[in-house]
N, C-alpha and C. Protein backbone atom coordinates (compact mmCIF):
# COMPACT_ATOMS: atom_id res chain seq x y z
N UNK A 1 -29.66 8.13 -5.37
CA UNK A 1 -28.75 8.34 -4.27
C UNK A 1 -27.57 9.16 -4.79
N UNK A 2 -27.23 10.23 -4.08
CA UNK A 2 -26.08 11.05 -4.50
C UNK A 2 -24.77 10.26 -4.45
N UNK A 3 -23.83 10.70 -5.26
CA UNK A 3 -22.53 10.04 -5.35
C UNK A 3 -21.82 10.00 -3.99
N UNK A 4 -21.92 11.08 -3.22
CA UNK A 4 -21.23 11.12 -1.92
C UNK A 4 -21.77 10.05 -0.97
N UNK A 5 -23.07 9.77 -1.02
CA UNK A 5 -23.62 8.72 -0.17
C UNK A 5 -23.16 7.35 -0.64
N UNK A 6 -23.07 7.15 -1.94
CA UNK A 6 -22.59 5.87 -2.46
C UNK A 6 -21.13 5.66 -2.06
N UNK A 7 -20.32 6.72 -2.16
CA UNK A 7 -18.92 6.59 -1.75
C UNK A 7 -18.80 6.30 -0.26
N UNK A 8 -19.67 6.88 0.54
CA UNK A 8 -19.64 6.64 1.98
C UNK A 8 -20.01 5.19 2.30
N UNK A 9 -20.85 4.58 1.48
CA UNK A 9 -21.25 3.19 1.70
C UNK A 9 -20.25 2.19 1.14
N UNK A 10 -19.32 2.64 0.33
CA UNK A 10 -18.35 1.74 -0.30
C UNK A 10 -17.42 1.14 0.75
N UNK A 11 -17.19 -0.18 0.63
CA UNK A 11 -16.27 -0.85 1.54
C UNK A 11 -15.08 -1.40 0.74
N UNK A 12 -14.33 -2.31 1.35
CA UNK A 12 -13.12 -2.82 0.72
C UNK A 12 -13.42 -3.57 -0.58
N UNK A 13 -14.62 -4.13 -0.73
CA UNK A 13 -14.95 -4.85 -1.97
C UNK A 13 -15.06 -3.91 -3.16
N UNK A 14 -15.16 -2.62 -2.90
CA UNK A 14 -15.13 -1.62 -3.96
C UNK A 14 -13.73 -1.04 -4.11
N UNK A 15 -13.12 -0.67 -2.99
CA UNK A 15 -11.85 0.06 -3.03
C UNK A 15 -10.66 -0.81 -3.43
N UNK A 16 -10.63 -2.09 -3.06
CA UNK A 16 -9.50 -2.95 -3.40
C UNK A 16 -9.38 -3.15 -4.92
N UNK A 17 -10.44 -3.52 -5.63
CA UNK A 17 -10.32 -3.61 -7.09
C UNK A 17 -10.00 -2.27 -7.73
N UNK A 18 -10.50 -1.20 -7.14
CA UNK A 18 -10.20 0.13 -7.66
C UNK A 18 -8.70 0.42 -7.53
N UNK A 19 -8.10 0.04 -6.41
CA UNK A 19 -6.67 0.20 -6.20
C UNK A 19 -5.86 -0.65 -7.17
N UNK A 20 -6.27 -1.91 -7.37
CA UNK A 20 -5.58 -2.78 -8.33
C UNK A 20 -5.61 -2.19 -9.73
N UNK A 21 -6.73 -1.61 -10.10
CA UNK A 21 -6.84 -1.00 -11.42
C UNK A 21 -5.87 0.17 -11.57
N UNK A 22 -5.79 0.99 -10.54
CA UNK A 22 -4.87 2.13 -10.59
C UNK A 22 -3.42 1.68 -10.68
N UNK A 23 -3.05 0.66 -9.90
CA UNK A 23 -1.68 0.14 -9.96
C UNK A 23 -1.37 -0.47 -11.33
N UNK A 24 -2.35 -1.12 -11.92
CA UNK A 24 -2.16 -1.71 -13.25
C UNK A 24 -1.92 -0.63 -14.29
N UNK A 25 -2.63 0.46 -14.18
CA UNK A 25 -2.43 1.57 -15.12
C UNK A 25 -1.02 2.13 -14.96
N UNK A 26 -0.55 2.27 -13.73
CA UNK A 26 0.80 2.79 -13.49
C UNK A 26 1.84 1.85 -14.11
N UNK A 27 1.69 0.55 -13.91
CA UNK A 27 2.65 -0.41 -14.47
C UNK A 27 2.64 -0.40 -16.00
N UNK A 28 1.48 -0.27 -16.59
CA UNK A 28 1.39 -0.23 -18.04
C UNK A 28 2.02 1.05 -18.59
N UNK A 29 1.74 2.16 -17.96
CA UNK A 29 2.35 3.43 -18.40
C UNK A 29 3.86 3.37 -18.23
N UNK A 30 4.34 2.74 -17.14
CA UNK A 30 5.78 2.60 -16.93
C UNK A 30 6.41 1.80 -18.06
N UNK A 31 5.72 0.77 -18.55
CA UNK A 31 6.25 -0.03 -19.66
C UNK A 31 6.27 0.75 -20.96
N UNK A 32 5.28 1.62 -21.16
CA UNK A 32 5.23 2.43 -22.37
C UNK A 32 6.35 3.47 -22.35
N UNK A 33 6.55 4.10 -21.22
CA UNK A 33 7.57 5.14 -21.11
C UNK A 33 8.98 4.55 -21.13
N UNK A 34 9.20 3.50 -20.34
CA UNK A 34 10.52 2.89 -20.23
C UNK A 34 10.35 1.38 -20.22
N UNK A 35 10.67 0.74 -21.33
CA UNK A 35 10.44 -0.70 -21.43
C UNK A 35 11.41 -1.53 -20.58
N UNK A 36 12.33 -0.90 -19.88
CA UNK A 36 13.29 -1.61 -19.02
C UNK A 36 13.11 -1.21 -17.56
N UNK A 37 11.86 -0.99 -17.13
CA UNK A 37 11.64 -0.50 -15.78
C UNK A 37 11.96 -1.52 -14.71
N UNK A 38 11.90 -2.81 -15.00
CA UNK A 38 12.25 -3.81 -13.97
C UNK A 38 13.73 -3.69 -13.63
N UNK A 39 14.56 -3.52 -14.66
CA UNK A 39 15.99 -3.36 -14.40
C UNK A 39 16.24 -2.13 -13.53
N UNK A 40 15.47 -1.07 -13.73
CA UNK A 40 15.63 0.15 -12.93
C UNK A 40 15.18 -0.06 -11.49
N UNK A 41 14.13 -0.85 -11.30
CA UNK A 41 13.54 -1.01 -9.96
C UNK A 41 14.31 -2.02 -9.12
N UNK A 42 14.63 -3.20 -9.69
CA UNK A 42 15.24 -4.26 -8.89
C UNK A 42 16.71 -4.51 -9.19
N UNK A 43 17.30 -3.73 -10.06
CA UNK A 43 18.72 -3.87 -10.41
C UNK A 43 19.06 -5.28 -10.90
N UNK A 44 18.15 -5.88 -11.66
CA UNK A 44 18.37 -7.20 -12.24
C UNK A 44 17.81 -7.20 -13.65
N UNK A 45 18.29 -8.10 -14.48
CA UNK A 45 17.82 -8.18 -15.85
C UNK A 45 17.32 -9.60 -16.13
N UNK A 46 16.06 -9.88 -15.79
CA UNK A 46 15.55 -11.24 -15.95
C UNK A 46 15.42 -11.68 -17.40
N UNK A 47 15.36 -10.74 -18.33
CA UNK A 47 15.17 -11.08 -19.74
C UNK A 47 16.38 -10.71 -20.60
N UNK A 48 17.49 -10.43 -19.96
CA UNK A 48 18.70 -10.09 -20.70
C UNK A 48 18.64 -8.72 -21.36
N UNK A 49 17.75 -7.85 -20.91
CA UNK A 49 17.68 -6.49 -21.45
C UNK A 49 16.75 -6.34 -22.64
N UNK A 50 15.98 -7.38 -22.99
CA UNK A 50 15.13 -7.28 -24.18
C UNK A 50 13.81 -6.57 -23.90
N UNK A 51 13.38 -6.50 -22.66
CA UNK A 51 12.12 -5.85 -22.32
C UNK A 51 10.92 -6.78 -22.36
N UNK A 52 11.14 -8.06 -22.70
CA UNK A 52 10.02 -9.01 -22.78
C UNK A 52 9.35 -9.23 -21.43
N UNK A 53 10.12 -9.30 -20.37
CA UNK A 53 9.53 -9.52 -19.04
C UNK A 53 8.62 -8.37 -18.65
N UNK A 54 9.06 -7.15 -18.93
CA UNK A 54 8.24 -5.99 -18.59
C UNK A 54 6.92 -6.00 -19.35
N UNK A 55 6.97 -6.32 -20.63
CA UNK A 55 5.73 -6.36 -21.41
C UNK A 55 4.85 -7.51 -20.98
N UNK A 56 5.43 -8.64 -20.64
CA UNK A 56 4.64 -9.76 -20.13
C UNK A 56 3.95 -9.42 -18.83
N UNK A 57 4.68 -8.77 -17.95
CA UNK A 57 4.09 -8.34 -16.68
C UNK A 57 2.99 -7.31 -16.94
N UNK A 58 3.21 -6.41 -17.87
CA UNK A 58 2.21 -5.39 -18.17
C UNK A 58 0.94 -6.01 -18.74
N UNK A 59 1.09 -7.04 -19.59
CA UNK A 59 -0.09 -7.72 -20.14
C UNK A 59 -0.85 -8.42 -19.01
N UNK A 60 -0.13 -9.10 -18.13
CA UNK A 60 -0.77 -9.77 -17.01
C UNK A 60 -1.47 -8.77 -16.10
N UNK A 61 -0.78 -7.69 -15.78
CA UNK A 61 -1.35 -6.66 -14.92
C UNK A 61 -2.52 -5.97 -15.62
N UNK A 62 -2.43 -5.82 -16.93
CA UNK A 62 -3.55 -5.25 -17.69
C UNK A 62 -4.79 -6.12 -17.61
N UNK A 63 -4.60 -7.44 -17.66
CA UNK A 63 -5.73 -8.36 -17.51
C UNK A 63 -6.34 -8.25 -16.12
N UNK A 64 -5.48 -8.10 -15.12
CA UNK A 64 -5.97 -7.89 -13.75
C UNK A 64 -6.73 -6.57 -13.68
N UNK A 65 -6.25 -5.56 -14.38
CA UNK A 65 -6.92 -4.26 -14.38
C UNK A 65 -8.32 -4.36 -14.97
N UNK A 66 -8.45 -5.07 -16.08
CA UNK A 66 -9.76 -5.22 -16.71
C UNK A 66 -10.72 -5.96 -15.78
N UNK A 67 -10.23 -7.03 -15.17
CA UNK A 67 -11.07 -7.77 -14.22
C UNK A 67 -11.42 -6.91 -13.01
N UNK A 68 -10.46 -6.14 -12.52
CA UNK A 68 -10.71 -5.28 -11.37
C UNK A 68 -11.69 -4.17 -11.71
N UNK A 69 -11.59 -3.62 -12.91
CA UNK A 69 -12.55 -2.60 -13.33
C UNK A 69 -13.96 -3.18 -13.43
N UNK A 70 -14.06 -4.41 -13.92
CA UNK A 70 -15.37 -5.05 -13.99
C UNK A 70 -15.97 -5.25 -12.61
N UNK A 71 -15.15 -5.70 -11.66
CA UNK A 71 -15.63 -5.89 -10.29
C UNK A 71 -15.99 -4.55 -9.66
N UNK A 72 -15.16 -3.53 -9.90
CA UNK A 72 -15.44 -2.20 -9.36
C UNK A 72 -16.77 -1.67 -9.90
N UNK A 73 -16.99 -1.84 -11.19
CA UNK A 73 -18.24 -1.38 -11.80
C UNK A 73 -19.43 -2.14 -11.20
N UNK A 74 -19.27 -3.44 -11.05
CA UNK A 74 -20.33 -4.27 -10.47
C UNK A 74 -20.63 -3.82 -9.05
N UNK A 75 -19.58 -3.58 -8.25
CA UNK A 75 -19.78 -3.15 -6.86
C UNK A 75 -20.39 -1.75 -6.81
N UNK A 76 -20.01 -0.86 -7.72
CA UNK A 76 -20.56 0.49 -7.75
C UNK A 76 -22.06 0.44 -8.02
N UNK A 77 -22.44 -0.44 -8.96
CA UNK A 77 -23.87 -0.59 -9.26
C UNK A 77 -24.61 -1.22 -8.08
N UNK A 78 -23.94 -2.10 -7.36
CA UNK A 78 -24.57 -2.74 -6.20
C UNK A 78 -24.80 -1.77 -5.05
N UNK A 79 -24.07 -0.66 -5.03
CA UNK A 79 -24.23 0.33 -3.96
C UNK A 79 -25.49 1.18 -4.15
N UNK A 80 -26.10 1.09 -5.32
CA UNK A 80 -27.34 1.83 -5.54
C UNK A 80 -28.46 1.16 -4.75
N UNK A 81 -29.37 1.95 -4.25
CA UNK A 81 -30.50 1.32 -3.55
C UNK A 81 -31.42 0.63 -4.54
N UNK A 82 -32.08 -0.39 -4.08
CA UNK A 82 -33.02 -1.11 -4.93
C UNK A 82 -34.20 -0.20 -5.26
N UNK A 83 -34.62 -0.22 -6.50
CA UNK A 83 -35.77 0.59 -6.90
C UNK A 83 -37.04 -0.25 -6.78
N UNK A 84 -38.07 0.35 -6.23
CA UNK A 84 -39.31 -0.43 -6.03
C UNK A 84 -40.05 -0.71 -7.33
């Protein structure tokens, strides 16, 4: 089955984990570039400026990304037609 047909058959069970993975990558890159991004976004310093909260959130979001990528891969494989 061509890729375009598989993408046309994809529903929210494929696209939602794919979106979570993309957001997780953005959060992780934000932590690498600027370890104080929470202070920039919400104008608060939950960790006193040490950057620990940002890295903790990035680790948590990274775990969500790995799980989301696994689900996305599983759903992508499920979109293939059964072979006789």
